[in-house]
Amino acid sequence: MLYALICNDKHGGLDLRLKVRPDHVNYLNGLNDNGILKMAGPFLDGNGDACGSLVIIEADDADAAQEIADADPYATAGLFASVDIRPYNWIFNKPGA
């Protein structure tokens, strides 16, 4: 099943985000290599700076999705103010559909 990880950065988190970004990208590359990552990208604020993340993953259940979210270097560094994990149904523009 697909899950959307809707991650909101803590206020003033841009410096931490930029510092941890290489580890975050490596983590996502690993998920991608294992077929878990379906898409990902940052939310942007009014200035065009990253202020959160949307990550779509495939996981067996909500607990597995939570484990994946918790292991993200952004999460372990304390960047996120909140992470909402929701089951996701990709309808339009799904690759291979």
PDB file of N, CA and C in Angstrom:
ATOM      1  N   MET A   1       0.834  -1.168   0.000  1.00  0.00           N
ATOM      2  CA  MET A   1       0.000   0.000   0.000  1.00  0.00           C
ATOM      3  C   MET A   1       0.887   1.242   0.000  1.00  0.00           C
ATOM      4  N   LEU A   2       0.401   2.287  -0.650  1.00  0.00           N
ATOM      5  CA  LEU A   2       1.129   3.546  -0.664  1.00  0.00           C
ATOM      6  C   LEU A   2       0.757   4.385   0.551  1.00  0.00           C
ATOM      7  N   TYR A   3       1.758   5.126   1.041  1.00  0.00           N
ATOM      8  CA  TYR A   3       1.557   6.049   2.156  1.00  0.00           C
ATOM      9  C   TYR A   3       2.191   7.380   1.805  1.00  0.00           C
ATOM     10  N   ALA A   4       1.497   8.459   2.158  1.00  0.00           N
ATOM     11  CA  ALA A   4       2.038   9.811   2.031  1.00  0.00           C
ATOM     12  C   ALA A   4       2.586  10.226   3.384  1.00  0.00           C
ATOM     13  N   LEU A   5       3.838  10.641   3.398  1.00  0.00           N
ATOM     14  CA  LEU A   5       4.456  11.202   4.591  1.00  0.00           C
ATOM     15  C   LEU A   5       4.448  12.715   4.393  1.00  0.00           C
ATOM     16  N   ILE A   6       3.641  13.401   5.171  1.00  0.00           N
ATOM     17  CA  ILE A   6       3.479  14.845   5.053  1.00  0.00           C
ATOM     18  C   ILE A   6       4.229  15.464   6.227  1.00  0.00           C
ATOM     19  N   CYS A   7       5.394  16.008   5.934  1.00  0.00           N
ATOM     20  CA  CYS A   7       6.334  16.442   6.971  1.00  0.00           C
ATOM     21  C   CYS A   7       6.442  17.962   6.969  1.00  0.00           C
ATOM     22  N   ASN A   8       6.217  18.571   8.121  1.00  0.00           N
ATOM     23  CA  ASN A   8       6.316  20.015   8.275  1.00  0.00           C
ATOM     24  C   ASN A   8       7.517  20.351   9.148  1.00  0.00           C
ATOM     25  N   ASP A   9       8.400  21.199   8.618  1.00  0.00           N
ATOM     26  CA  ASP A   9       9.596  21.595   9.363  1.00  0.00           C
ATOM     27  C   ASP A   9       9.231  22.485  10.545  1.00  0.00           C
ATOM     28  N   LYS A  10      10.075  22.441  11.563  1.00  0.00           N
ATOM     29  CA  LYS A  10       9.975  23.401  12.653  1.00  0.00           C
ATOM     30  C   LYS A  10      10.302  24.786  12.107  1.00  0.00           C
ATOM     31  N   HIS A  11       9.711  25.812  12.697  1.00  0.00           N
ATOM     32  CA  HIS A  11      10.001  27.189  12.297  1.00  0.00           C
ATOM     33  C   HIS A  11      11.504  27.443  12.430  1.00  0.00           C
ATOM     34  N   GLY A  12      12.079  28.040  11.400  1.00  0.00           N
ATOM     35  CA  GLY A  12      13.504  28.349  11.422  1.00  0.00           C
ATOM     36  C   GLY A  12      14.398  27.152  11.176  1.00  0.00           C
ATOM     37  N   GLY A  13      13.859  26.106  10.553  1.00  0.00           N
ATOM     38  CA  GLY A  13      14.620  24.876  10.367  1.00  0.00           C
ATOM     39  C   GLY A  13      15.463  24.795   9.106  1.00  0.00           C
ATOM     40  N   LEU A  14      15.498  25.858   8.309  1.00  0.00           N
ATOM     41  CA  LEU A  14      16.180  25.770   7.012  1.00  0.00           C
ATOM     42  C   LEU A  14      17.661  25.427   7.153  1.00  0.00           C
ATOM     43  N   ASP A  15      18.359  26.027   8.100  1.00  0.00           N
ATOM     44  CA  ASP A  15      19.790  25.727   8.258  1.00  0.00           C
ATOM     45  C   ASP A  15      20.010  24.256   8.591  1.00  0.00           C
ATOM     46  N   LEU A  16      19.190  23.711   9.488  1.00  0.00           N
ATOM     47  CA  LEU A  16      19.298  22.289   9.828  1.00  0.00           C
ATOM     48  C   LEU A  16      18.975  21.431   8.614  1.00  0.00           C
ATOM     49  N   ARG A  17      17.950  21.805   7.868  1.00  0.00           N
ATOM     50  CA  ARG A  17      17.575  21.066   6.656  1.00  0.00           C
ATOM     51  C   ARG A  17      18.753  21.004   5.692  1.00  0.00           C
ATOM     52  N   LEU A  18      19.387  22.135   5.454  1.00  0.00           N
ATOM     53  CA  LEU A  18      20.501  22.172   4.506  1.00  0.00           C
ATOM     54  C   LEU A  18      21.690  21.361   5.012  1.00  0.00           C
ATOM     55  N   LYS A  19      21.934  21.390   6.302  1.00  0.00           N
ATOM     56  CA  LYS A  19      23.045  20.636   6.886  1.00  0.00           C
ATOM     57  C   LYS A  19      22.832  19.129   6.750  1.00  0.00           C
ATOM     58  N   VAL A  20      21.609  18.671   6.965  1.00  0.00           N
ATOM     59  CA  VAL A  20      21.306  17.235   6.988  1.00  0.00           C
ATOM     60  C   VAL A  20      20.934  16.709   5.602  1.00  0.00           C
ATOM     61  N   ARG A  21      20.706  17.595   4.645  1.00  0.00           N
ATOM     62  CA  ARG A  21      20.207  17.197   3.325  1.00  0.00           C
ATOM     63  C   ARG A  21      21.014  16.082   2.663  1.00  0.00           C
ATOM     64  N   PRO A  22      22.346  16.098   2.667  1.00  0.00           N
ATOM     65  CA  PRO A  22      23.063  14.991   2.014  1.00  0.00           C
ATOM     66  C   PRO A  22      22.699  13.614   2.596  1.00  0.00           C
ATOM     67  N   ASP A  23      22.562  13.525   3.910  1.00  0.00           N
ATOM     68  CA  ASP A  23      22.174  12.249   4.528  1.00  0.00           C
ATOM     69  C   ASP A  23      20.742  11.880   4.161  1.00  0.00           C
ATOM     70  N   HIS A  24      19.864  12.879   4.130  1.00  0.00           N
ATOM     71  CA  HIS A  24      18.468  12.658   3.743  1.00  0.00           C
ATOM     72  C   HIS A  24      18.390  12.124   2.308  1.00  0.00           C
ATOM     73  N   VAL A  25      19.133  12.748   1.398  1.00  0.00           N
ATOM     74  CA  VAL A  25      19.127  12.315  -0.006  1.00  0.00           C
ATOM     75  C   VAL A  25      19.676  10.893  -0.121  1.00  0.00           C
ATOM     76  N   ASN A  26      20.733  10.580   0.602  1.00  0.00           N
ATOM     77  CA  ASN A  26      21.262   9.210   0.588  1.00  0.00           C
ATOM     78  C   ASN A  26      20.229   8.214   1.096  1.00  0.00           C
ATOM     79  N   TYR A  27      19.498   8.590   2.138  1.00  0.00           N
ATOM     80  CA  TYR A  27      18.447   7.722   2.680  1.00  0.00           C
ATOM     81  C   TYR A  27      17.363   7.480   1.627  1.00  0.00           C
ATOM     82  N   LEU A  28      16.916   8.557   0.981  1.00  0.00           N
ATOM     83  CA  LEU A  28      15.892   8.402  -0.050  1.00  0.00           C
ATOM     84  C   LEU A  28      16.407   7.586  -1.227  1.00  0.00           C
ATOM     85  N   ASN A  29      17.663   7.767  -1.602  1.00  0.00           N
ATOM     86  CA  ASN A  29      18.234   6.953  -2.679  1.00  0.00           C
ATOM     87  C   ASN A  29      18.199   5.475  -2.320  1.00  0.00           C
ATOM     88  N   GLY A  30      18.475   5.142  -1.067  1.00  0.00           N
ATOM     89  CA  GLY A  30      18.389   3.755  -0.623  1.00  0.00           C
ATOM     90  C   GLY A  30      16.972   3.219  -0.712  1.00  0.00           C
ATOM     91  N   LEU A  31      15.995   4.030  -0.293  1.00  0.00           N
ATOM     92  CA  LEU A  31      14.595   3.617  -0.419  1.00  0.00           C
ATOM     93  C   LEU A  31      14.226   3.421  -1.883  1.00  0.00           C
ATOM     94  N   ASN A  32      14.720   4.306  -2.733  1.00  0.00           N
ATOM     95  CA  ASN A  32      14.441   4.206  -4.160  1.00  0.00           C
ATOM     96  C   ASN A  32      15.054   2.936  -4.746  1.00  0.00           C
ATOM     97  N   ASP A  33      16.283   2.650  -4.368  1.00  0.00           N
ATOM     98  CA  ASP A  33      16.958   1.449  -4.867  1.00  0.00           C
ATOM     99  C   ASP A  33      16.212   0.178  -4.476  1.00  0.00           C
ATOM    100  N   ASN A  34      15.512   0.216  -3.339  1.00  0.00           N
ATOM    101  CA  ASN A  34      14.760  -0.948  -2.859  1.00  0.00           C
ATOM    102  C   ASN A  34      13.304  -0.946  -3.308  1.00  0.00           C
ATOM    103  N   GLY A  35      12.919   0.003  -4.177  1.00  0.00           N
ATOM    104  CA  GLY A  35      11.561   0.048  -4.703  1.00  0.00           C
ATOM    105  C   GLY A  35      10.527   0.585  -3.729  1.00  0.00           C
ATOM    106  N   ILE A  36      10.964   1.177  -2.635  1.00  0.00           N
ATOM    107  CA  ILE A  36      10.047   1.684  -1.616  1.00  0.00           C
ATOM    108  C   ILE A  36       9.592   3.104  -1.939  1.00  0.00           C
ATOM    109  N   LEU A  37      10.515   3.946  -2.373  1.00  0.00           N
ATOM    110  CA  LEU A  37      10.206   5.346  -2.660  1.00  0.00           C
ATOM    111  C   LEU A  37       9.495   5.457  -3.999  1.00  0.00           C
ATOM    112  N   LYS A  38       8.374   6.160  -4.010  1.00  0.00           N
ATOM    113  CA  LYS A  38       7.635   6.384  -5.247  1.00  0.00           C
ATOM    114  C   LYS A  38       7.825   7.805  -5.762  1.00  0.00           C
ATOM    115  N   MET A  39       7.881   8.788  -4.869  1.00  0.00           N
ATOM    116  CA  MET A  39       8.168  10.175  -5.240  1.00  0.00           C
ATOM    117  C   MET A  39       8.458  10.955  -3.971  1.00  0.00           C
ATOM    118  N   ALA A  40       9.165  12.058  -4.116  1.00  0.00           N
ATOM    119  CA  ALA A  40       9.472  12.898  -2.959  1.00  0.00           C
ATOM    120  C   ALA A  40       9.874  14.286  -3.422  1.00  0.00           C
ATOM    121  N   GLY A  41       9.636  15.252  -2.562  1.00  0.00           N
ATOM    122  CA  GLY A  41      10.065  16.615  -2.826  1.00  0.00           C
ATOM    123  C   GLY A  41       9.674  17.517  -1.683  1.00  0.00           C
ATOM    124  N   PRO A  42      10.276  18.714  -1.661  1.00  0.00           N
ATOM    125  CA  PRO A  42      10.017  19.636  -0.559  1.00  0.00           C
ATOM    126  C   PRO A  42       8.777  20.500  -0.795  1.00  0.00           C
ATOM    127  N   PHE A  43       8.147  20.898   0.314  1.00  0.00           N
ATOM    128  CA  PHE A  43       7.187  21.993   0.293  1.00  0.00           C
ATOM    129  C   PHE A  43       8.003  23.282   0.340  1.00  0.00           C
ATOM    130  N   LEU A  44       7.481  24.337  -0.274  1.00  0.00           N
ATOM    131  CA  LEU A  44       8.190  25.613  -0.315  1.00  0.00           C
ATOM    132  C   LEU A  44       7.376  26.697   0.384  1.00  0.00           C
ATOM    133  N   ASP A  45       8.082  27.604   1.044  1.00  0.00           N
ATOM    134  CA  ASP A  45       7.409  28.742   1.661  1.00  0.00           C
ATOM    135  C   ASP A  45       7.278  29.872   0.639  1.00  0.00           C
ATOM    136  N   GLY A  46       6.781  31.012   1.070  1.00  0.00           N
ATOM    137  CA  GLY A  46       6.558  32.141   0.175  1.00  0.00           C
ATOM    138  C   GLY A  46       7.816  32.703  -0.449  1.00  0.00           C
ATOM    139  N   ASN A  47       8.971  32.401   0.137  1.00  0.00           N
ATOM    140  CA  ASN A  47      10.250  32.845  -0.419  1.00  0.00           C
ATOM    141  C   ASN A  47      10.894  31.802  -1.319  1.00  0.00           C
ATOM    142  N   GLY A  48      10.237  30.653  -1.475  1.00  0.00           N
ATOM    143  CA  GLY A  48      10.799  29.579  -2.287  1.00  0.00           C
ATOM    144  C   GLY A  48      11.760  28.680  -1.537  1.00  0.00           C
ATOM    145  N   ASP A  49      11.834  28.839  -0.210  1.00  0.00           N
ATOM    146  CA  ASP A  49      12.708  27.987   0.607  1.00  0.00           C
ATOM    147  C   ASP A  49      11.952  26.745   1.067  1.00  0.00           C
ATOM    148  N   ALA A  50      12.660  25.634   1.154  1.00  0.00           N
ATOM    149  CA  ALA A  50      12.051  24.390   1.623  1.00  0.00           C
ATOM    150  C   ALA A  50      11.596  24.550   3.071  1.00  0.00           C
ATOM    151  N   CYS A  51      10.387  24.050   3.357  1.00  0.00           N
ATOM    152  CA  CYS A  51       9.826  24.172   4.703  1.00  0.00           C
ATOM    153  C   CYS A  51       9.114  22.894   5.138  1.00  0.00           C
ATOM    154  N   GLY A  52       9.312  21.820   4.401  1.00  0.00           N
ATOM    155  CA  GLY A  52       8.676  20.542   4.698  1.00  0.00           C
ATOM    156  C   GLY A  52       8.925  19.584   3.556  1.00  0.00           C
ATOM    157  N   SER A  53       8.348  18.402   3.676  1.00  0.00           N
ATOM    158  CA  SER A  53       8.560  17.371   2.655  1.00  0.00           C
ATOM    159  C   SER A  53       7.284  16.584   2.417  1.00  0.00           C
ATOM    160  N   LEU A  54       7.106  16.164   1.174  1.00  0.00           N
ATOM    161  CA  LEU A  54       6.096  15.177   0.815  1.00  0.00           C
ATOM    162  C   LEU A  54       6.848  13.975   0.276  1.00  0.00           C
ATOM    163  N   VAL A  55       6.659  12.833   0.919  1.00  0.00           N
ATOM    164  CA  VAL A  55       7.332  11.602   0.513  1.00  0.00           C
ATOM    165  C   VAL A  55       6.255  10.538   0.344  1.00  0.00           C
ATOM    166  N   ILE A  56       6.205   9.921  -0.827  1.00  0.00           N
ATOM    167  CA  ILE A  56       5.264   8.832  -1.083  1.00  0.00           C
ATOM    168  C   ILE A  56       6.065   7.541  -1.112  1.00  0.00           C
ATOM    169  N   ILE A  57       5.664   6.599  -0.253  1.00  0.00           N
ATOM    170  CA  ILE A  57       6.372   5.323  -0.140  1.00  0.00           C
ATOM    171  C   ILE A  57       5.396   4.167  -0.260  1.00  0.00           C
ATOM    172  N   GLU A  58       5.946   3.000  -0.530  1.00  0.00           N
ATOM    173  CA  GLU A  58       5.171   1.765  -0.466  1.00  0.00           C
ATOM    174  C   GLU A  58       5.616   1.020   0.784  1.00  0.00           C
ATOM    175  N   ALA A  59       4.634   0.619   1.597  1.00  0.00           N
ATOM    176  CA  ALA A  59       4.927  -0.097   2.835  1.00  0.00           C
ATOM    177  C   ALA A  59       3.828  -1.120   3.087  1.00  0.00           C
ATOM    178  N   ASP A  60       4.154  -2.150   3.855  1.00  0.00           N
ATOM    179  CA  ASP A  60       3.191  -3.210   4.149  1.00  0.00           C
ATOM    180  C   ASP A  60       2.009  -2.711   4.964  1.00  0.00           C
ATOM    181  N   ASP A  61       2.270  -1.789   5.882  1.00  0.00           N
ATOM    182  CA  ASP A  61       1.211  -1.280   6.754  1.00  0.00           C
ATOM    183  C   ASP A  61       1.659   0.046   7.361  1.00  0.00           C
ATOM    184  N   ALA A  62       0.776   0.641   8.153  1.00  0.00           N
ATOM    185  CA  ALA A  62       1.065   1.945   8.746  1.00  0.00           C
ATOM    186  C   ALA A  62       2.263   1.889   9.688  1.00  0.00           C
ATOM    187  N   ASP A  63       2.434   0.781  10.398  1.00  0.00           N
ATOM    188  CA  ASP A  63       3.584   0.661  11.300  1.00  0.00           C
ATOM    189  C   ASP A  63       4.897   0.674  10.523  1.00  0.00           C
ATOM    190  N   ALA A  64       4.928  -0.021   9.396  1.00  0.00           N
ATOM    191  CA  ALA A  64       6.130  -0.034   8.558  1.00  0.00           C
ATOM    192  C   ALA A  64       6.391   1.354   7.981  1.00  0.00           C
ATOM    193  N   ALA A  65       5.332   2.055   7.584  1.00  0.00           N
ATOM    194  CA  ALA A  65       5.489   3.420   7.075  1.00  0.00           C
ATOM    195  C   ALA A  65       6.046   4.331   8.164  1.00  0.00           C
ATOM    196  N   GLN A  66       5.578   4.144   9.391  1.00  0.00           N
ATOM    197  CA  GLN A  66       6.077   4.946  10.514  1.00  0.00           C
ATOM    198  C   GLN A  66       7.561   4.691  10.751  1.00  0.00           C
ATOM    199  N   GLU A  67       7.977   3.431  10.657  1.00  0.00           N
ATOM    200  CA  GLU A  67       9.392   3.093  10.838  1.00  0.00           C
ATOM    201  C   GLU A  67      10.257   3.768   9.778  1.00  0.00           C
ATOM    202  N   ILE A  68       9.773   3.780   8.547  1.00  0.00           N
ATOM    203  CA  ILE A  68      10.508   4.430   7.459  1.00  0.00           C
ATOM    204  C   ILE A  68      10.603   5.930   7.718  1.00  0.00           C
ATOM    205  N   ALA A  69       9.492   6.538   8.127  1.00  0.00           N
ATOM    206  CA  ALA A  69       9.489   7.972   8.423  1.00  0.00           C
ATOM    207  C   ALA A  69      10.428   8.297   9.576  1.00  0.00           C
ATOM    208  N   ASP A  70      10.402   7.482  10.612  1.00  0.00           N
ATOM    209  CA  ASP A  70      11.229   7.729  11.798  1.00  0.00           C
ATOM    210  C   ASP A  70      12.723   7.615  11.511  1.00  0.00           C
ATOM    211  N   ALA A  71      13.092   6.811  10.513  1.00  0.00           N
ATOM    212  CA  ALA A  71      14.502   6.589  10.190  1.00  0.00           C
ATOM    213  C   ALA A  71      15.084   7.658   9.264  1.00  0.00           C
ATOM    214  N   ASP A  72      14.246   8.523   8.713  1.00  0.00           N
ATOM    215  CA  ASP A  72      14.730   9.593   7.837  1.00  0.00           C
ATOM    216  C   ASP A  72      15.679  10.494   8.637  1.00  0.00           C
ATOM    217  N   PRO A  73      16.850  10.793   8.101  1.00  0.00           N
ATOM    218  CA  PRO A  73      17.777  11.676   8.815  1.00  0.00           C
ATOM    219  C   PRO A  73      17.184  13.031   9.199  1.00  0.00           C
ATOM    220  N   TYR A  74      16.263  13.559   8.412  1.00  0.00           N
ATOM    221  CA  TYR A  74      15.595  14.794   8.822  1.00  0.00           C
ATOM    222  C   TYR A  74      14.844  14.582  10.130  1.00  0.00           C
ATOM    223  N   ALA A  75      14.168  13.437  10.248  1.00  0.00           N
ATOM    224  CA  ALA A  75      13.420  13.140  11.474  1.00  0.00           C
ATOM    225  C   ALA A  75      14.361  12.917  12.649  1.00  0.00           C
ATOM    226  N   THR A  76      15.416  12.146  12.439  1.00  0.00           N
ATOM    227  CA  THR A  76      16.331  11.852  13.550  1.00  0.00           C
ATOM    228  C   THR A  76      17.094  13.099  13.999  1.00  0.00           C
ATOM    229  N   ALA A  77      17.246  14.079  13.099  1.00  0.00           N
ATOM    230  CA  ALA A  77      17.915  15.336  13.448  1.00  0.00           C
ATOM    231  C   ALA A  77      16.981  16.310  14.163  1.00  0.00           C
ATOM    232  N   GLY A  78      15.687  15.980  14.209  1.00  0.00           N
ATOM    233  CA  GLY A  78      14.732  16.849  14.882  1.00  0.00           C
ATOM    234  C   GLY A  78      14.217  17.995  14.037  1.00  0.00           C
ATOM    235  N   LEU A  79      14.282  17.868  12.714  1.00  0.00           N
ATOM    236  CA  LEU A  79      13.838  18.939  11.825  1.00  0.00           C
ATOM    237  C   LEU A  79      12.325  19.129  11.831  1.00  0.00           C
ATOM    238  N   PHE A  80      11.580  18.051  11.914  1.00  0.00           N
ATOM    239  CA  PHE A  80      10.141  18.131  11.694  1.00  0.00           C
ATOM    240  C   PHE A  80       9.368  18.532  12.947  1.00  0.00           C
ATOM    241  N   ALA A  81       8.442  19.470  12.756  1.00  0.00           N
ATOM    242  CA  ALA A  81       7.485  19.817  13.806  1.00  0.00           C
ATOM    243  C   ALA A  81       6.390  18.767  13.862  1.00  0.00           C
ATOM    244  N   SER A  82       6.054  18.206  12.688  1.00  0.00           N
ATOM    245  CA  SER A  82       5.019  17.173  12.621  1.00  0.00           C
ATOM    246  C   SER A  82       5.226  16.314  11.384  1.00  0.00           C
ATOM    247  N   VAL A  83       4.777  15.076  11.494  1.00  0.00           N
ATOM    248  CA  VAL A  83       4.763  14.150  10.361  1.00  0.00           C
ATOM    249  C   VAL A  83       3.412  13.448  10.388  1.00  0.00           C
ATOM    250  N   ASP A  84       2.641  13.645   9.338  1.00  0.00           N
ATOM    251  CA  ASP A  84       1.340  12.996   9.200  1.00  0.00           C
ATOM    252  C   ASP A  84       1.502  11.878   8.182  1.00  0.00           C
ATOM    253  N   ILE A  85       1.128  10.672   8.545  1.00  0.00           N
ATOM    254  CA  ILE A  85       1.249   9.512   7.655  1.00  0.00           C
ATOM    255  C   ILE A  85      -0.153   9.074   7.279  1.00  0.00           C
ATOM    256  N   ARG A  86      -0.430   9.089   5.976  1.00  0.00           N
ATOM    257  CA  ARG A  86      -1.771   8.758   5.492  1.00  0.00           C
ATOM    258  C   ARG A  86      -1.696   7.741   4.359  1.00  0.00           C
ATOM    259  N   PRO A  87      -2.603   6.763   4.349  1.00  0.00           N
ATOM    260  CA  PRO A  87      -2.706   5.886   3.184  1.00  0.00           C
ATOM    261  C   PRO A  87      -3.001   6.755   1.951  1.00  0.00           C
ATOM    262  N   TYR A  88      -2.421   6.366   0.823  1.00  0.00           N
ATOM    263  CA  TYR A  88      -2.495   7.196  -0.374  1.00  0.00           C
ATOM    264  C   TYR A  88      -2.896   6.338  -1.567  1.00  0.00           C
ATOM    265  N   ASN A  89      -3.800   6.860  -2.380  1.00  0.00           N
ATOM    266  CA  ASN A  89      -4.250   6.176  -3.586  1.00  0.00           C
ATOM    267  C   ASN A  89      -3.868   7.034  -4.785  1.00  0.00           C
ATOM    268  N   TRP A  90      -2.831   6.627  -5.506  1.00  0.00           N
ATOM    269  CA  TRP A  90      -2.328   7.384  -6.652  1.00  0.00           C
ATOM    270  C   TRP A  90      -3.218   7.078  -7.853  1.00  0.00           C
ATOM    271  N   ILE A  91      -3.959   8.085  -8.331  1.00  0.00           N
ATOM    272  CA  ILE A  91      -4.909   7.895  -9.425  1.00  0.00           C
ATOM    273  C   ILE A  91      -4.380   8.471 -10.737  1.00  0.00           C
ATOM    274  N   PHE A  92      -4.123   9.766 -10.768  1.00  0.00           N
ATOM    275  CA  PHE A  92      -3.752  10.434 -12.009  1.00  0.00           C
ATOM    276  C   PHE A  92      -2.240  10.475 -12.199  1.00  0.00           C
ATOM    277  N   ASN A  93      -1.818  10.268 -13.454  1.00  0.00           N
ATOM    278  CA  ASN A  93      -0.411  10.349 -13.859  1.00  0.00           C
ATOM    279  C   ASN A  93       0.493   9.367 -13.132  1.00  0.00           C
ATOM    280  N   LYS A  94      -0.061   8.263 -12.704  1.00  0.00           N
ATOM    281  CA  LYS A  94       0.737   7.223 -12.057  1.00  0.00           C
ATOM    282  C   LYS A  94       1.579   6.524 -13.124  1.00  0.00           C
ATOM    283  N   PRO A  95       2.901   6.469 -12.937  1.00  0.00           N
ATOM    284  CA  PRO A  95       3.741   5.787 -13.925  1.00  0.00           C
ATOM    285  C   PRO A  95       3.305   4.331 -14.122  1.00  0.00           C
ATOM    286  N   GLY A  96       3.239   3.927 -15.359  1.00  0.00           N
ATOM    287  CA  GLY A  96       2.886   2.547 -15.674  1.00  0.00           C
ATOM    288  C   GLY A  96       1.403   2.246 -15.630  1.00  0.00           C
ATOM    289  N   ALA A  97       0.584   3.256 -15.335  1.00  0.00           N
ATOM    290  CA  ALA A  97      -0.866   3.010 -15.257  1.00  0.00           C
ATOM    291  C   ALA A  97      -1.516   3.204 -16.604  1.00  0.00           C
TER     292      ALA A  97
END
